[in-house]
Every structure is written in structure tokens, then in C-alpha cells.
């Protein structure tokens, strides 16, 4: 039976997007994707970006806007299909 050794050091799990040049810590990227551009992220041992709170709020608002727009388009596309 394999038993994991207890961790003796805290590992900072940060998420850095080289495309946006932003370290998204303390916010975790969904599926390893940058919240802003959707590109891949990697773990880095460096401090968080200074404006990460503002950038994350902006990225979440943009993602929500896109989701609502897509739902709106899907609703009217289905409505037009039924009317035809």
C-alpha cells in the first residue's frame, strides 16, 4: 500500500498566461485556460500581477456577456426555425 508523504513546504500554485503577461493568482484558471484570452496557462513561482483583481473582474464580465449573447442568439435562432 502506497502512502503519500506529508508536504513539508507550501507550494504556490499560480497561473501565468504568457499571451496576456498576467499571473492570475489567487484566481484559478478553469481547465488551465486564461480567463481573459482563453490561451494556456502555466504554473510559476512568482508574485501575482498588481492589477489581477481588475483584470479578473473584467474577464468574468466579458465571459458572462458572451454567454448571454450566445443564449440570446440561440433562443432567436430556435424561434425562427419553429416559425418557418
Protein backbone atom coordinates (compact mmCIF):
# COMPACT_ATOMS: atom_id res chain seq x y z
CA UNK A 1 0.00 0.00 0.00
CA UNK A 2 1.42 3.37 -1.06
CA UNK A 3 1.19 6.18 1.48
CA UNK A 4 1.80 9.77 0.38
CA UNK A 5 4.39 11.66 2.32
CA UNK A 6 3.08 14.78 4.08
CA UNK A 7 4.07 18.01 2.41
CA UNK A 8 6.61 19.98 4.36
CA UNK A 9 6.53 23.07 2.20
CA UNK A 10 3.67 25.10 0.79
CA UNK A 11 3.68 25.10 -3.00
CA UNK A 12 2.27 28.23 -4.56
CA UNK A 13 0.07 27.16 -7.44
CA UNK A 14 -0.05 30.22 -9.62
CA UNK A 15 -1.33 30.52 -13.15
CA UNK A 16 0.61 32.61 -15.61
CA UNK A 17 -0.54 33.46 -19.14
CA UNK A 18 2.37 34.33 -21.41
CA UNK A 19 -0.03 35.76 -24.02
CA UNK A 20 -1.59 38.32 -21.64
CA UNK A 21 1.54 38.52 -19.44
CA UNK A 22 -0.60 38.15 -16.31
CA UNK A 23 -0.16 35.95 -13.27
CA UNK A 24 -3.77 35.13 -12.31
CA UNK A 25 -3.05 34.11 -8.72
CA UNK A 26 -5.15 33.87 -6.48
CA UNK A 27 -7.73 33.14 -9.17
CA UNK A 28 -7.55 29.67 -10.63
CA UNK A 29 -7.89 29.27 -14.35
CA UNK A 30 -10.68 26.94 -15.49
CA UNK A 31 -9.21 23.89 -17.25
CA UNK A 32 -5.81 25.61 -17.41
CA UNK A 33 -7.14 28.35 -19.69
CA UNK A 34 -6.53 32.05 -19.24
CA UNK A 35 -9.72 33.84 -18.09
CA UNK A 36 -9.01 36.69 -20.50
CA UNK A 37 -7.77 35.25 -23.79
CA UNK A 38 -8.54 31.54 -23.36
CA UNK A 39 -4.92 30.55 -24.01
CA UNK A 40 -2.98 28.03 -21.98
CA UNK A 41 -1.53 28.87 -18.58
CA UNK A 42 1.43 27.51 -16.68
CA UNK A 43 2.45 27.35 -13.05
CA UNK A 44 5.06 29.85 -11.99
CA UNK A 45 6.64 30.72 -8.67
CA UNK A 46 6.37 34.49 -8.86
CA UNK A 47 4.20 37.16 -7.27
CA UNK A 48 0.74 37.89 -8.59
CA UNK A 49 0.24 40.71 -11.06
CA UNK A 50 -0.67 44.04 -9.45
CA UNK A 51 -3.88 44.55 -11.39
CA UNK A 52 -5.12 40.95 -11.29
CA UNK A 53 -8.33 41.83 -9.41
CA UNK A 54 -9.39 44.37 -12.03
CA UNK A 55 -8.37 42.13 -14.93
CA UNK A 56 -10.19 39.12 -13.48
CA UNK A 57 -13.39 41.12 -12.90
CA UNK A 58 -13.17 42.42 -16.45
CA UNK A 59 -12.58 38.92 -17.86
CA UNK A 60 -15.53 37.49 -15.90
CA UNK A 61 -17.83 40.29 -17.07
CA UNK A 62 -16.77 39.72 -20.68
CA UNK A 63 -17.31 35.96 -20.41
CA UNK A 64 -20.75 36.50 -18.90
CA UNK A 65 -21.63 38.96 -21.66
CA UNK A 66 -20.55 36.43 -24.31
CA UNK A 67 -22.58 33.65 -22.66
CA UNK A 68 -25.70 35.82 -22.51
CA UNK A 69 -25.28 36.89 -26.12
CA UNK A 70 -24.86 33.27 -27.23
CA UNK A 71 -28.00 32.28 -25.30
CA UNK A 72 -29.87 35.19 -26.90
CA UNK A 73 -28.76 34.15 -30.39
CA UNK A 74 -29.65 30.50 -29.76
CA UNK A 75 -33.11 31.44 -28.47
CA UNK A 76 -33.95 33.54 -31.53
CA UNK A 77 -32.45 31.04 -33.95
CA UNK A 78 -34.66 28.31 -32.48
CA UNK A 79 -37.67 30.65 -32.55
CA UNK A 80 -37.10 31.42 -36.24
CA UNK A 81 -36.75 27.69 -37.00
CA UNK A 82 -40.13 26.99 -35.39
CA UNK A 83 -41.79 29.88 -37.24
CA UNK A 84 -40.55 28.68 -40.64
